[in-house]
Structures are given as structure tokens and as C-alpha cells.
Amino acid sequence: MILQPSIPCKRRPARQHGAAVIEFALILALLISLLAGIFEFGRAFWYYDALTKATRDGARAMSVSATADIASVGVGLAKKEVADAVTAAGVPDFTEGNVAVTCLNDAFDDAACTDGATPGGVRVQIVGYTMSIGQFIPFLIGASSSYSATLSPHTTMRYMLPVL
């Protein structure tokens, strides 16, 4: 008869039985917080980029408006262009009231938009737009609170005389 040596099996002490679950729960809470922060930063970046692109569209439309009706028609069309682009990008709570259109003189200082006057440039700016940060992650900061950030991108372009 051949005797085989017995291999002793190591048993965990009784106090170690739930340690892995506790460690996983601690790491999971940290990972969820990190992912929520990445999500909110990405959403804020997306909104800012959409607003910037919309101001560029509005400034481009203003920069080729006819000087005869630049104040009476061009400014309104530029604001509508920006609001439509922002709405199409999925940015919530945006109105034409959040758009400021300014004509600039040849030195690129602020000047009034006047029908019949040729501006040196145009500036389209987002004013008073605030986004809530944390509204989609109430389990981290509480259901009744969120933070806000004001986004105010702008685009300045030289006025191009339209070719008729």
C-alpha cells in the first residue's frame, strides 16, 4: 500500500469572510463617482461646443448681411440662426434672448448696428445661459441640490461686403 502525503488545506479565519465584498463596495462607490464626474464634464463640454458653433453660424450670417437692413433684419436673423442651431444640438432652455449681436467699428470696438452703415466687424455672444451640473447624479450630491455654470462663448468676424 502506497501512502500519499496529505496536503493541508488552508482555511481562512472566520473574520475574513466578508472583506472582499466590503472592499468591492468601497471601490464601486469611488468608480461611480468618477464616472458621474466624467459624464457631467462631457455634457458641459458638449453644450459649450454647441453654443460656440452656433455663435459662429450667427456671426457668419451677420458678416454677409446687406448693409441696407443690417440692424432691422440682419440682427434678428442672426439671433434666430443661433437659437435654431442650439436647439438642433439638443441644448435645453435656450432662447433668442440668450444671444447678443453687436456691430463693431473698423478698430473692432463696439458700435451700434445701424441700417445703411457698414460695420468693420460683428460679434455674436451667448449671454445669461446657465446650465445645471449634477442634475443627473442626485445620488452623489443630493436630490435637491445641483451646481450651475454660466457658459458664454462668442465669435467675432470681420464684416464682408456682400456681392450683389
C-alpha atoms as a PDB file:
ATOM      1  CA  MET A   1       0.000   0.000   0.000  1.00  0.00           C
ATOM      2  CA  ILE A   2       1.291   3.377  -1.015  1.00  0.00           C
ATOM      3  CA  LEU A   3       0.718   6.214   1.293  1.00  0.00           C
ATOM      4  CA  GLN A   4       0.209   9.632  -0.192  1.00  0.00           C
ATOM      5  CA  PRO A   5       1.070  12.611   1.847  1.00  0.00           C
ATOM      6  CA  SER A   6      -1.900  14.706   2.692  1.00  0.00           C
ATOM      7  CA  ILE A   7      -1.809  18.317   1.636  1.00  0.00           C
ATOM      8  CA  PRO A   8      -3.039  20.514   4.368  1.00  0.00           C
ATOM      9  CA  CYS A   9      -5.705  22.933   3.189  1.00  0.00           C
ATOM     10  CA  LYS A  10      -5.560  26.428   4.489  1.00  0.00           C
ATOM     11  CA  ARG A  11      -8.766  27.744   5.851  1.00  0.00           C
ATOM     12  CA  ARG A  12      -9.495  31.407   6.107  1.00  0.00           C
ATOM     13  CA  PRO A  13     -10.111  32.690   9.534  1.00  0.00           C
ATOM     14  CA  ALA A  14     -13.773  33.403  10.180  1.00  0.00           C
ATOM     15  CA  ARG A  15     -13.245  37.164  10.432  1.00  0.00           C
ATOM     16  CA  GLN A  16     -12.081  37.445   6.766  1.00  0.00           C
ATOM     17  CA  HIS A  17     -15.239  36.105   5.106  1.00  0.00           C
ATOM     18  CA  GLY A  18     -16.854  39.462   4.087  1.00  0.00           C
ATOM     19  CA  ALA A  19     -13.732  41.521   3.428  1.00  0.00           C
ATOM     20  CA  ALA A  20     -13.837  41.196  -0.369  1.00  0.00           C
ATOM     21  CA  VAL A  21     -17.434  42.399  -0.520  1.00  0.00           C
ATOM     22  CA  ILE A  22     -16.644  45.431   1.645  1.00  0.00           C
ATOM     23  CA  GLU A  23     -13.572  46.302  -0.441  1.00  0.00           C
ATOM     24  CA  PHE A  24     -15.608  45.989  -3.643  1.00  0.00           C
ATOM     25  CA  ALA A  25     -18.332  48.270  -2.262  1.00  0.00           C
ATOM     26  CA  LEU A  26     -15.786  50.948  -1.350  1.00  0.00           C
ATOM     27  CA  ILE A  27     -14.126  50.815  -4.768  1.00  0.00           C
ATOM     28  CA  LEU A  28     -17.509  50.732  -6.541  1.00  0.00           C
ATOM     29  CA  ALA A  29     -18.610  53.949  -4.815  1.00  0.00           C
ATOM     30  CA  LEU A  30     -15.394  55.637  -5.912  1.00  0.00           C
ATOM     31  CA  LEU A  31     -15.759  54.399  -9.506  1.00  0.00           C
ATOM     32  CA  ILE A  32     -19.389  55.531  -9.758  1.00  0.00           C
ATOM     33  CA  SER A  33     -18.408  58.991  -8.507  1.00  0.00           C
ATOM     34  CA  LEU A  34     -15.598  59.149 -11.051  1.00  0.00           C
ATOM     35  CA  LEU A  35     -17.862  58.048 -13.918  1.00  0.00           C
ATOM     36  CA  ALA A  36     -20.539  60.566 -12.918  1.00  0.00           C
ATOM     37  CA  GLY A  37     -17.939  63.348 -12.953  1.00  0.00           C
ATOM     38  CA  ILE A  38     -16.747  62.284 -16.398  1.00  0.00           C
ATOM     39  CA  PHE A  39     -20.354  62.228 -17.638  1.00  0.00           C
ATOM     40  CA  GLU A  40     -21.105  65.732 -16.317  1.00  0.00           C
ATOM     41  CA  PHE A  41     -17.853  67.175 -17.688  1.00  0.00           C
ATOM     42  CA  GLY A  42     -18.618  65.659 -21.088  1.00  0.00           C
ATOM     43  CA  ARG A  43     -22.121  67.127 -21.063  1.00  0.00           C
ATOM     44  CA  ALA A  44     -20.804  70.600 -20.153  1.00  0.00           C
ATOM     45  CA  PHE A  45     -18.173  70.365 -22.897  1.00  0.00           C
ATOM     46  CA  TRP A  46     -20.831  69.281 -25.401  1.00  0.00           C
ATOM     47  CA  TYR A  47     -23.076  72.256 -24.507  1.00  0.00           C
ATOM     48  CA  TYR A  48     -20.178  74.715 -24.721  1.00  0.00           C
ATOM     49  CA  ASP A  49     -19.104  73.341 -28.108  1.00  0.00           C
ATOM     50  CA  ALA A  50     -22.677  73.506 -29.452  1.00  0.00           C
ATOM     51  CA  LEU A  51     -23.001  77.117 -28.259  1.00  0.00           C
ATOM     52  CA  THR A  52     -19.659  78.048 -29.829  1.00  0.00           C
ATOM     53  CA  LYS A  53     -20.602  76.523 -33.182  1.00  0.00           C
ATOM     54  CA  ALA A  54     -23.958  78.308 -33.086  1.00  0.00           C
ATOM     55  CA  THR A  55     -22.301  81.693 -32.455  1.00  0.00           C
ATOM     56  CA  ARG A  56     -20.034  81.005 -35.417  1.00  0.00           C
ATOM     57  CA  ASP A  57     -23.071  80.349 -37.616  1.00  0.00           C
ATOM     58  CA  GLY A  58     -24.732  83.550 -36.429  1.00  0.00           C
ATOM     59  CA  ALA A  59     -21.590  85.634 -36.940  1.00  0.00           C
ATOM     60  CA  ARG A  60     -21.145  84.188 -40.421  1.00  0.00           C
ATOM     61  CA  ALA A  61     -24.745  85.102 -41.289  1.00  0.00           C
ATOM     62  CA  MET A  62     -24.273  88.621 -39.875  1.00  0.00           C
ATOM     63  CA  SER A  63     -20.967  89.156 -41.647  1.00  0.00           C
ATOM     64  CA  VAL A  64     -22.636  88.852 -45.057  1.00  0.00           C
ATOM     65  CA  SER A  65     -25.910  90.670 -44.266  1.00  0.00           C
ATOM     66  CA  ALA A  66     -26.831  93.552 -46.527  1.00  0.00           C
ATOM     67  CA  THR A  67     -25.870  96.904 -45.004  1.00  0.00           C
ATOM     68  CA  ALA A  68     -29.208  98.426 -46.021  1.00  0.00           C
ATOM     69  CA  ASP A  69     -31.078  96.397 -43.389  1.00  0.00           C
ATOM     70  CA  ILE A  70     -28.342  95.052 -41.121  1.00  0.00           C
ATOM     71  CA  ALA A  71     -29.966  96.370 -37.927  1.00  0.00           C
ATOM     72  CA  SER A  72     -33.619  95.812 -38.768  1.00  0.00           C
ATOM     73  CA  VAL A  73     -33.328  92.380 -40.404  1.00  0.00           C
ATOM     74  CA  GLY A  74     -29.767  91.041 -40.017  1.00  0.00           C
ATOM     75  CA  VAL A  75     -29.619  91.100 -36.213  1.00  0.00           C
ATOM     76  CA  GLY A  76     -32.922  89.248 -35.870  1.00  0.00           C
ATOM     77  CA  LEU A  77     -31.923  86.644 -38.436  1.00  0.00           C
ATOM     78  CA  ALA A  78     -28.579  86.061 -36.710  1.00  0.00           C
ATOM     79  CA  LYS A  79     -30.304  85.549 -33.341  1.00  0.00           C
ATOM     80  CA  LYS A  80     -32.757  83.113 -34.904  1.00  0.00           C
ATOM     81  CA  GLU A  81     -29.911  81.265 -36.637  1.00  0.00           C
ATOM     82  CA  VAL A  82     -28.100  80.826 -33.312  1.00  0.00           C
ATOM     83  CA  ALA A  83     -31.229  79.735 -31.425  1.00  0.00           C
ATOM     84  CA  ASP A  84     -32.135  77.207 -34.133  1.00  0.00           C
ATOM     85  CA  ALA A  85     -28.609  75.737 -34.175  1.00  0.00           C
ATOM     86  CA  VAL A  86     -28.509  75.432 -30.382  1.00  0.00           C
ATOM     87  CA  THR A  87     -31.944  73.808 -30.253  1.00  0.00           C
ATOM     88  CA  ALA A  88     -30.962  71.371 -33.026  1.00  0.00           C
ATOM     89  CA  ALA A  89     -27.879  70.393 -30.994  1.00  0.00           C
ATOM     90  CA  GLY A  90     -30.102  69.402 -28.068  1.00  0.00           C
ATOM     91  CA  VAL A  91     -29.116  72.123 -25.604  1.00  0.00           C
ATOM     92  CA  PRO A  92     -32.116  72.743 -23.306  1.00  0.00           C
ATOM     93  CA  ASP A  93     -33.679  76.003 -22.073  1.00  0.00           C
ATOM     94  CA  PHE A  94     -32.191  78.277 -24.727  1.00  0.00           C
ATOM     95  CA  THR A  95     -33.981  81.261 -26.278  1.00  0.00           C
ATOM     96  CA  GLU A  96     -33.140  84.093 -28.653  1.00  0.00           C
ATOM     97  CA  GLY A  97     -32.883  86.280 -25.552  1.00  0.00           C
ATOM     98  CA  ASN A  98     -29.619  84.487 -24.731  1.00  0.00           C
ATOM     99  CA  VAL A  99     -27.994  85.879 -27.899  1.00  0.00           C
ATOM    100  CA  ALA A 100     -26.352  89.306 -28.151  1.00  0.00           C
ATOM    101  CA  VAL A 101     -25.365  90.648 -31.576  1.00  0.00           C
ATOM    102  CA  THR A 102     -23.001  93.624 -31.718  1.00  0.00           C
ATOM    103  CA  CYS A 103     -21.642  95.550 -34.676  1.00  0.00           C
ATOM    104  CA  LEU A 104     -18.026  96.693 -34.429  1.00  0.00           C
ATOM    105  CA  ASN A 105     -16.253  99.672 -35.977  1.00  0.00           C
ATOM    106  CA  ASP A 106     -13.037  99.409 -38.024  1.00  0.00           C
ATOM    107  CA  ALA A 107     -10.946  99.276 -34.818  1.00  0.00           C
ATOM    108  CA  PHE A 108     -13.191  96.418 -33.598  1.00  0.00           C
ATOM    109  CA  ASP A 109     -14.660  98.497 -30.769  1.00  0.00           C
ATOM    110  CA  ASP A 110     -18.367  98.180 -30.005  1.00  0.00           C
ATOM    111  CA  ALA A 111     -20.598 100.291 -32.237  1.00  0.00           C
ATOM    112  CA  ALA A 112     -24.323 100.394 -32.815  1.00  0.00           C
ATOM    113  CA  CYS A 113     -25.789  98.411 -35.686  1.00  0.00           C
ATOM    114  CA  THR A 114     -27.388 100.958 -37.993  1.00  0.00           C
ATOM    115  CA  ASP A 115     -29.204 100.325 -41.249  1.00  0.00           C
ATOM    116  CA  GLY A 116     -27.130 101.631 -44.147  1.00  0.00           C
ATOM    117  CA  ALA A 117     -23.853 101.832 -42.174  1.00  0.00           C
ATOM    118  CA  THR A 118     -21.071  99.358 -42.949  1.00  0.00           C
ATOM    119  CA  PRO A 119     -19.586  97.849 -39.782  1.00  0.00           C
ATOM    120  CA  GLY A 120     -15.955  96.782 -39.529  1.00  0.00           C
ATOM    121  CA  GLY A 121     -16.941  93.518 -37.889  1.00  0.00           C
ATOM    122  CA  VAL A 122     -19.659  91.689 -35.979  1.00  0.00           C
ATOM    123  CA  ARG A 123     -19.724  89.839 -32.662  1.00  0.00           C
ATOM    124  CA  VAL A 124     -22.273  87.220 -31.667  1.00  0.00           C
ATOM    125  CA  GLN A 125     -22.209  86.244 -28.000  1.00  0.00           C
ATOM    126  CA  ILE A 126     -24.168  83.961 -25.701  1.00  0.00           C
ATOM    127  CA  VAL A 127     -25.317  85.863 -22.601  1.00  0.00           C
ATOM    128  CA  GLY A 128     -27.046  84.636 -19.475  1.00  0.00           C
ATOM    129  CA  TYR A 129     -27.085  80.923 -20.302  1.00  0.00           C
ATOM    130  CA  THR A 130     -26.635  78.784 -17.213  1.00  0.00           C
ATOM    131  CA  MET A 131     -26.517  75.003 -17.192  1.00  0.00           C
ATOM    132  CA  SER A 132     -27.137  72.796 -14.175  1.00  0.00           C
ATOM    133  CA  ILE A 133     -24.390  70.401 -13.239  1.00  0.00           C
ATOM    134  CA  GLY A 134     -25.298  67.372 -11.183  1.00  0.00           C
ATOM    135  CA  GLN A 135     -28.971  67.081 -12.034  1.00  0.00           C
ATOM    136  CA  PHE A 136     -28.451  63.597 -13.458  1.00  0.00           C
ATOM    137  CA  ILE A 137     -26.472  62.328 -10.472  1.00  0.00           C
ATOM    138  CA  PRO A 138     -28.675  63.105  -7.446  1.00  0.00           C
ATOM    139  CA  PHE A 139     -27.353  60.081  -5.561  1.00  0.00           C
ATOM    140  CA  LEU A 140     -23.970  61.830  -5.209  1.00  0.00           C
ATOM    141  CA  ILE A 141     -24.869  65.407  -4.304  1.00  0.00           C
ATOM    142  CA  GLY A 142     -28.420  65.077  -3.027  1.00  0.00           C
ATOM    143  CA  ALA A 143     -31.689  65.204  -4.901  1.00  0.00           C
ATOM    144  CA  SER A 144     -32.493  68.810  -4.051  1.00  0.00           C
ATOM    145  CA  SER A 145     -29.187  70.428  -4.977  1.00  0.00           C
ATOM    146  CA  SER A 146     -27.149  70.942  -8.103  1.00  0.00           C
ATOM    147  CA  TYR A 147     -24.447  73.305  -9.216  1.00  0.00           C
ATOM    148  CA  SER A 148     -24.658  75.752 -12.082  1.00  0.00           C
ATOM    149  CA  ALA A 149     -22.150  77.019 -14.612  1.00  0.00           C
ATOM    150  CA  THR A 150     -22.545  80.032 -16.878  1.00  0.00           C
ATOM    151  CA  LEU A 151     -21.494  79.404 -20.461  1.00  0.00           C
ATOM    152  CA  SER A 152     -20.751  82.496 -22.565  1.00  0.00           C
ATOM    153  CA  PRO A 153     -18.850  81.753 -25.772  1.00  0.00           C
ATOM    154  CA  HIS A 154     -18.615  84.368 -28.506  1.00  0.00           C
ATOM    155  CA  THR A 155     -17.450  84.706 -32.096  1.00  0.00           C
ATOM    156  CA  THR A 156     -16.080  87.851 -33.744  1.00  0.00           C
ATOM    157  CA  MET A 157     -15.796  88.139 -37.535  1.00  0.00           C
ATOM    158  CA  ARG A 158     -14.854  90.847 -39.971  1.00  0.00           C
ATOM    159  CA  TYR A 159     -17.789  92.215 -41.977  1.00  0.00           C
ATOM    160  CA  MET A 160     -17.682  91.112 -45.609  1.00  0.00           C
ATOM    161  CA  LEU A 161     -19.452  93.320 -48.110  1.00  0.00           C
ATOM    162  CA  PRO A 162     -21.998  91.092 -49.825  1.00  0.00           C
ATOM    163  CA  VAL A 163     -21.562  90.707 -53.554  1.00  0.00           C
ATOM    164  CA  LEU A 164     -24.760  91.654 -55.320  1.00  0.00           C
END
